[in-house]
Amino acid sequence: MPGTAEDRDPSPGDRDALARVLRAGPFHAALRAAIAARRLPLHRVRHRLALRGIKLGVTSLSYWQQGARRPRRPESFRAVRALEEILELPAGSLLRLLSPQGGPAAPARPAARPYRALLGVGAAVEELLGGLGLPADGGLHTLGHHEQVRIGPLRELRGRDSQHVVRAHRDGVDRYLAVHHGDPGCDPSRVRVRARENCRTGRVRWHREAGVVVAELLFDARLRSGDTYVFGYGFEDGTGGTSGEYLRGFGYTGGQYVLQVRFDEAALPVRCVRFRQSGPGGARTGLAELTANGPHRSVHLVDQDVRRGILGIGWDWA
């Protein structure tokens, strides 16, 4: 039967990329590549599973292809075998990636880019982290991060809130180190850390000259390698001068990032632009204008598969 817009034969480039990830894994990346190659929306995949008598929700499929969950039960393995048929993959090609014996050894976690390669105040951040006596690799990598930044009526960075989904890549992880960099004039001693869902505030350190705060967020559980964890936190600032941009540096690749900037009705910018940088002072690429959403007075960016470097939104007041 000829392919449709929802079910097409993969292009040669898609086939080559899919073959590579089926050989090397991991499972979630292979599943995501196979679904993308077939141009099948998740609700259509769910429907085709249902025709085979397998009930699996769109949410579970989404978690599988993001790596937030992993098939573990017999009925899940049955669904994976059916997915191989639906996506026209070689028999066992997905299942072998779920088996420690049959699949390839997990690659070593690559070293993260140091903070000084991501932030202009990176040296100050590394000094604070060193003072806490914790390893540079916190043992976690991000699966999803939704960050909301609030700009106040005086055009100041009022605060920001984060909802974070992480996975441990070693046993015993029980904390996360959050970094806040205020705008020029920020008084880090007056910045307040707010631990919210599934965490509590531990040690907090700041660097006055750099306007940086590092906060230790203690989890309610000690994670094992492969465990996922969801937690929320925020910083209340409002101590700096006029804000003109917000940046987020990424030392690792992978995971989804959503940045939303909301403006007070008394301080609305005339122009907002998203951008990417390889590092501090680097050329800004991927420029795209953003339009504030009506009564919510906000703009946002979404990156489904983060690369190392910097993502940000900048704005002009006049």
Foldseek 3Di string as FASTA:
>chain_A
DAADLAFHAFDPVLVVVLVVCLQADQLLCNLVSLNVRGNHDLVVLQVQVVVVVQHDDSVRNVCSNLLVDHDDDPSSVVSVQVSCVVSVHPGCSNVLSVDCVRGDDDDDDDDFDQQVQADVCRVVVVVVVVVVVDDPDLQKDFAAKEKEWEQELQQAGFKMKIKTKIFGQAFFRWKDKDKDFGDAQWALVPKDKFWDFQWDWDDKDDDGVRRMIITITTGPDTDHHSHMDITMMMIGTRRHHHDFKDKDFTRAKFHKYKYKYFYDPNQAFPWKWKWWAQGPPGDTPPIDTFDQDPPRRMTMDMDGIGDGGMIMMGTHRD
